[in-house]
Amino acid sequence: MQLIVLQDKDEIESFLRRNVPLHIYELGDLDDFYWPHTAWYAMREGKQVRALLMLYTAEALPVVLALCDRGDIPLQKELMYSTSHLLPKRFYGHVTPGIEEAFSEGSILTPMGANFRMLLRNARTINEVDTTSVSPLSISDAGKLMAFYELSYPGHHFNPRMVTTGMYWGVKKGGSIVSVAGVHVYSQRYGVAALGNIATHPDFRKRGLGTAVTAKLCTVLLGSVETIGLNVKADNLVALDWYRKLGFEEIGTIEQCMVEAK
């Protein structure tokens, strides 16, 4: 088994296509919009990629995605051990349950909880939602969006550059943004989108605005991608129930952790 730095998009895509629901984020990051901020490490046997790890560096805190099918956990752990000296001293990990221990050797591992990966399986519900109050947001709204998230979604991961994807939709009241749905990843080229930064102002909750912005976003996305997913904290029962009602289903679990070199 050979550790390599993988730079061939076609080879990476071929591997990721084996399980699209699991690899929505990585597939999206092959898009030119995200690609310059990525590094890819793989274990190759002969000419076949057997395990893959992605490092994403567009944010202040780098993110490592190390996801695999259950039967490939030993290979994925081997890859993680082999790349430990190549990764940042501090990063946020998204990993398949059971392999996070591979980060613990030589590092301080802080578990951040499990997330369910959910996919939009039934679009019937979103097609029935009234979205007439929802409008597209642009980069000119970036300042208002940042202020909105600071108040409505403490601990958010909003990056203003994401608005330029054209996949941020919101409701405004009196010139102020009160509800938003956006994406972490969107790629028409690779046919995937991962929802993110969905929030409503505390004074405007329980009015159906979150449902309206999310339904509008999903409707627009379905015009250009085949797979829509997102991660939801496993202990957020309210959010899980809400997404189920919108037509999403859980398809797996992903552990999140903070990793810092000792």
Protein backbone atom coordinates (compact mmCIF):
# COMPACT_ATOMS: atom_id res chain seq x y z
CA MET A 1 0.00 0.00 0.00
CA GLN A 2 1.44 3.38 -1.01
CA LEU A 3 0.71 6.82 0.48
CA ILE A 4 0.32 9.45 -2.25
CA VAL A 5 -0.73 13.05 -2.71
CA LEU A 6 -3.57 12.83 -5.20
CA GLN A 7 -4.09 15.70 -7.66
CA ASP A 8 -6.04 14.09 -10.48
CA LYS A 9 -9.68 15.23 -10.23
CA ASP A 10 -10.95 12.37 -12.37
CA GLU A 11 -9.25 9.78 -10.18
CA ILE A 12 -10.60 11.42 -7.02
CA GLU A 13 -14.10 11.65 -8.45
CA SER A 14 -14.05 8.02 -9.51
CA PHE A 15 -13.32 6.98 -5.93
CA LEU A 16 -15.92 9.32 -4.39
CA ARG A 17 -18.65 8.19 -6.78
CA ARG A 18 -18.62 4.77 -5.11
CA ASN A 19 -20.70 6.33 -2.33
CA VAL A 20 -22.08 9.73 -3.32
CA PRO A 21 -24.27 10.28 -0.20
CA LEU A 22 -21.26 9.76 2.05
CA HIS A 23 -18.98 12.00 -0.02
CA ILE A 24 -21.22 14.97 -0.91
CA TYR A 25 -18.83 17.50 0.60
CA GLU A 26 -15.71 16.08 -1.03
CA LEU A 27 -17.38 15.84 -4.43
CA GLY A 28 -18.48 19.45 -4.15
CA ASP A 29 -14.97 20.49 -3.21
CA LEU A 30 -13.71 19.20 -6.55
CA ASP A 31 -15.46 22.20 -8.10
CA ASP A 32 -13.12 25.00 -9.21
CA PHE A 33 -14.69 27.30 -6.60
CA TYR A 34 -13.34 25.13 -3.74
CA TRP A 35 -10.53 23.11 -5.35
CA PRO A 36 -7.68 25.60 -4.68
CA HIS A 37 -8.33 25.25 -0.95
CA THR A 38 -8.03 21.46 -0.86
CA ALA A 39 -5.33 18.84 -0.47
CA TRP A 40 -5.97 15.13 -1.05
CA TYR A 41 -4.10 12.16 0.41
CA ALA A 42 -4.71 8.55 -0.56
CA MET A 43 -3.62 4.98 -0.03
CA ARG A 44 -3.12 3.32 -3.38
CA GLU A 45 -2.71 -0.38 -4.08
CA GLY A 46 -1.37 -0.89 -7.56
CA LYS A 47 -3.43 1.54 -9.65
CA GLN A 48 -6.44 1.52 -7.33
CA VAL A 49 -7.20 4.15 -4.68
CA ARG A 50 -8.27 2.30 -1.55
CA ALA A 51 -8.70 5.16 0.97
CA LEU A 52 -8.94 8.95 0.69
CA LEU A 53 -8.58 11.92 3.03
CA MET A 54 -9.28 15.57 2.21
CA LEU A 55 -7.89 18.69 3.89
CA TYR A 56 -9.89 21.91 3.37
CA THR A 57 -8.09 25.17 4.19
CA ALA A 58 -10.44 27.99 3.12
CA GLU A 59 -11.49 28.66 6.72
CA ALA A 60 -9.41 29.95 9.63
CA LEU A 61 -9.70 26.49 11.19
CA PRO A 62 -8.76 23.81 8.63
CA VAL A 63 -11.12 20.86 8.21
CA VAL A 64 -10.20 17.23 7.58
CA LEU A 65 -12.72 14.82 6.07
CA ALA A 66 -11.84 11.16 6.56
CA LEU A 67 -14.93 9.18 5.63
CA CYS A 68 -15.28 5.61 4.46
CA ASP A 69 -17.59 2.61 4.28
CA ARG A 70 -17.61 0.46 7.42
CA GLY A 71 -15.63 -2.32 5.78
CA ASP A 72 -12.80 0.08 4.91
CA ILE A 73 -12.18 1.39 8.44
CA PRO A 74 -8.78 -0.39 8.83
CA LEU A 75 -7.54 1.15 5.57
CA GLN A 76 -8.82 4.58 6.52
CA LYS A 77 -7.09 4.39 9.89
CA GLU A 78 -3.85 3.40 8.17
CA LEU A 79 -4.17 6.47 5.94
CA MET A 80 -4.83 8.72 8.92
CA TYR A 81 -1.80 7.42 10.80
CA SER A 82 0.35 7.87 7.69
CA THR A 83 -0.69 11.48 7.09
CA SER A 84 -0.53 12.72 10.69
CA HIS A 85 2.76 14.55 10.05
CA LEU A 86 1.33 16.27 6.96
CA LEU A 87 -1.78 17.76 8.57
CA PRO A 88 -2.08 21.13 10.37
CA LYS A 89 -1.26 21.32 14.06
CA ARG A 90 -4.89 22.12 14.78
CA PHE A 91 -7.93 21.16 12.73
CA TYR A 92 -11.57 20.09 12.86
CA GLY A 93 -12.21 16.49 11.88
CA HIS A 94 -15.25 14.87 10.25
CA VAL A 95 -14.69 11.14 10.44
CA THR A 96 -16.43 7.79 10.16
CA PRO A 97 -17.19 6.49 13.67
CA GLY A 98 -14.49 4.13 14.86
CA ILE A 99 -11.50 5.76 13.22
CA GLU A 100 -11.22 8.96 15.27
CA GLU A 101 -8.76 7.18 17.57
CA ALA A 102 -6.25 7.33 14.73
CA PHE A 103 -5.96 11.08 15.44
CA SER A 104 -5.31 10.56 19.15
CA GLU A 105 -1.72 9.31 18.87
CA GLY A 106 0.48 12.38 19.31
CA SER A 107 -2.53 14.72 19.47
CA ILE A 108 -5.17 15.93 21.88
CA LEU A 109 -8.54 14.71 20.64
CA THR A 110 -11.66 16.57 21.79
CA PRO A 111 -14.92 14.87 20.72
CA MET A 112 -17.48 17.38 19.40
CA GLY A 113 -20.40 15.00 19.04
CA ALA A 114 -22.05 12.89 16.39
CA ASN A 115 -23.90 14.19 13.36
CA PHE A 116 -26.41 12.43 11.16
CA ARG A 117 -25.89 12.76 7.42
CA MET A 118 -29.30 13.41 5.89
CA LEU A 119 -30.39 13.34 2.24
CA LEU A 120 -33.40 14.88 0.55
CA ARG A 121 -35.35 11.79 -0.50
CA ASN A 122 -38.84 13.22 -1.03
CA ALA A 123 -39.27 16.68 -2.56
CA ARG A 124 -43.05 16.57 -2.44
CA THR A 125 -43.26 18.51 0.83
CA ILE A 126 -41.03 21.38 -0.25
CA ASN A 127 -43.09 21.80 -3.41
CA GLU A 128 -46.14 22.49 -1.26
CA VAL A 129 -44.51 25.28 0.78
CA ASP A 130 -45.40 28.93 0.12
CA THR A 131 -42.08 30.61 -0.73
CA THR A 132 -43.38 33.90 -2.16
CA SER A 133 -41.73 35.88 0.66
CA VAL A 134 -38.28 34.44 -0.12
CA SER A 135 -35.76 36.28 -2.29
CA PRO A 136 -32.17 35.65 -3.42
CA LEU A 137 -29.31 37.18 -1.45
CA SER A 138 -26.16 38.58 -3.03
CA ILE A 139 -22.69 39.62 -2.00
CA SER A 140 -24.08 43.11 -1.31
CA ASP A 141 -25.95 41.50 1.61
CA ALA A 142 -22.75 40.07 3.14
CA GLY A 143 -22.52 42.65 5.90
CA LYS A 144 -26.13 42.19 6.93
CA LEU A 145 -25.72 38.43 6.78
CA MET A 146 -22.73 38.47 9.09
CA ALA A 147 -24.64 40.61 11.61
CA PHE A 148 -27.65 38.30 11.25
CA TYR A 149 -25.63 35.16 11.97
CA GLU A 150 -23.84 36.70 14.94
CA LEU A 151 -27.24 37.24 16.55
CA SER A 152 -29.25 34.29 15.23
CA TYR A 153 -26.64 31.53 14.94
CA PRO A 154 -23.78 31.91 17.44
CA GLY A 155 -20.94 29.61 16.50
CA HIS A 156 -21.90 29.78 12.82
CA HIS A 157 -19.55 28.83 9.98
CA PHE A 158 -20.67 31.49 7.51
CA ASN A 159 -18.09 32.72 5.02
CA PRO A 160 -19.20 35.69 2.87
CA ARG A 161 -17.57 34.19 -0.24
CA MET A 162 -20.23 31.47 -0.19
CA VAL A 163 -22.92 34.01 -1.12
CA THR A 164 -21.35 34.25 -4.57
CA THR A 165 -22.54 30.71 -5.29
CA GLY A 166 -25.99 32.26 -5.78
CA MET A 167 -27.42 29.73 -3.34
CA TYR A 168 -28.32 31.90 -0.38
CA TRP A 169 -32.00 32.73 0.01
CA GLY A 170 -33.69 34.78 2.69
CA VAL A 171 -36.65 36.69 4.02
CA LYS A 172 -36.35 40.39 4.82
CA LYS A 173 -38.53 42.48 7.10
CA GLY A 174 -38.13 46.24 7.08
CA GLY A 175 -34.84 45.95 5.23
CA SER A 176 -33.38 43.51 7.75
CA ILE A 177 -32.66 39.84 7.10
CA VAL A 178 -34.73 37.63 9.42
CA SER A 179 -34.33 34.14 7.95
CA VAL A 180 -31.72 32.50 5.70
CA ALA A 181 -30.92 29.17 4.08
CA GLY A 182 -27.62 28.64 2.31
CA VAL A 183 -25.02 26.06 1.37
CA HIS A 184 -21.65 24.85 2.59
CA VAL A 185 -21.02 23.15 -0.75
CA TYR A 186 -22.62 23.56 -4.16
CA SER A 187 -21.45 22.20 -7.49
CA GLN A 188 -23.50 21.96 -10.64
CA ARG A 189 -20.54 20.26 -12.33
CA TYR A 190 -20.53 17.41 -9.79
CA GLY A 191 -24.27 17.41 -9.09
CA VAL A 192 -24.18 17.86 -5.32
CA ALA A 193 -25.10 20.40 -2.66
CA ALA A 194 -24.77 20.45 1.13
CA LEU A 195 -27.10 22.81 2.96
CA GLY A 196 -25.76 25.00 5.74
CA ASN A 197 -26.10 28.22 7.71
CA ILE A 198 -29.88 27.83 8.02
CA ALA A 199 -31.20 30.15 10.73
CA THR A 200 -34.03 32.49 11.73
CA HIS A 201 -33.87 35.62 13.88
CA PRO A 202 -35.04 34.85 17.46
CA ASP A 203 -37.91 37.35 17.17
CA PHE A 204 -39.29 35.70 14.02
CA ARG A 205 -39.17 32.01 14.87
CA LYS A 206 -42.13 29.61 14.75
CA ARG A 207 -43.66 31.49 11.82
CA GLY A 208 -42.64 29.03 9.10
CA LEU A 209 -39.87 31.26 7.74
CA GLY A 210 -37.16 28.61 8.13
CA THR A 211 -39.34 26.17 6.22
CA ALA A 212 -39.94 28.72 3.48
CA VAL A 213 -36.27 29.63 2.91
CA THR A 214 -35.15 25.99 3.03
CA ALA A 215 -37.88 24.87 0.64
CA LYS A 216 -37.02 27.65 -1.79
CA LEU A 217 -33.32 26.82 -1.67
CA CYS A 218 -33.97 23.11 -2.25
CA THR A 219 -36.33 23.85 -5.14
CA VAL A 220 -33.68 25.98 -6.83
CA LEU A 221 -30.93 23.44 -6.16
CA LEU A 222 -32.96 20.60 -7.67
CA GLY A 223 -32.80 22.48 -10.95
CA SER A 224 -29.05 21.85 -11.16
CA VAL A 225 -27.99 19.01 -8.81
CA GLU A 226 -29.06 15.42 -8.19
CA THR A 227 -28.03 15.03 -4.54
CA ILE A 228 -28.85 17.39 -1.64
CA GLY A 229 -27.70 16.62 1.87
CA LEU A 230 -26.60 18.12 5.16
CA ASN A 231 -25.25 17.24 8.59
CA VAL A 232 -27.46 17.58 11.67
CA LYS A 233 -26.33 17.13 15.27
CA ALA A 234 -27.56 13.75 16.45
CA ASP A 235 -28.90 15.19 19.71
CA ASN A 236 -30.84 18.02 18.01
CA LEU A 237 -34.15 16.20 18.01
CA VAL A 238 -36.15 19.27 16.99
CA ALA A 239 -34.02 19.88 13.90
CA LEU A 240 -34.03 16.20 12.96
CA ASP A 241 -37.81 16.06 13.11
CA TRP A 242 -38.09 19.28 11.11
CA TYR A 243 -35.83 18.02 8.32
CA ARG A 244 -37.70 14.71 8.21
CA LYS A 245 -40.93 16.62 7.65
CA LEU A 246 -39.25 18.43 4.75
CA GLY A 247 -38.41 15.09 3.12
CA PHE A 248 -34.91 14.35 4.43
CA GLU A 249 -33.80 10.95 5.75
CA GLU A 250 -30.78 9.87 7.83
CA ILE A 251 -28.31 7.72 5.90
CA GLY A 252 -25.39 7.50 8.33
CA THR A 253 -23.43 8.95 11.25
CA ILE A 254 -20.35 11.15 11.22
CA GLU A 255 -18.24 11.95 14.27
CA GLN A 256 -16.82 15.43 14.70
CA CYS A 257 -13.73 16.22 16.74
CA MET A 258 -11.15 18.89 17.40
CA VAL A 259 -7.57 17.73 16.93
CA GLU A 260 -4.56 19.59 18.32
CA ALA A 261 -0.93 18.51 18.33
CA LYS A 262 0.50 17.89 21.79
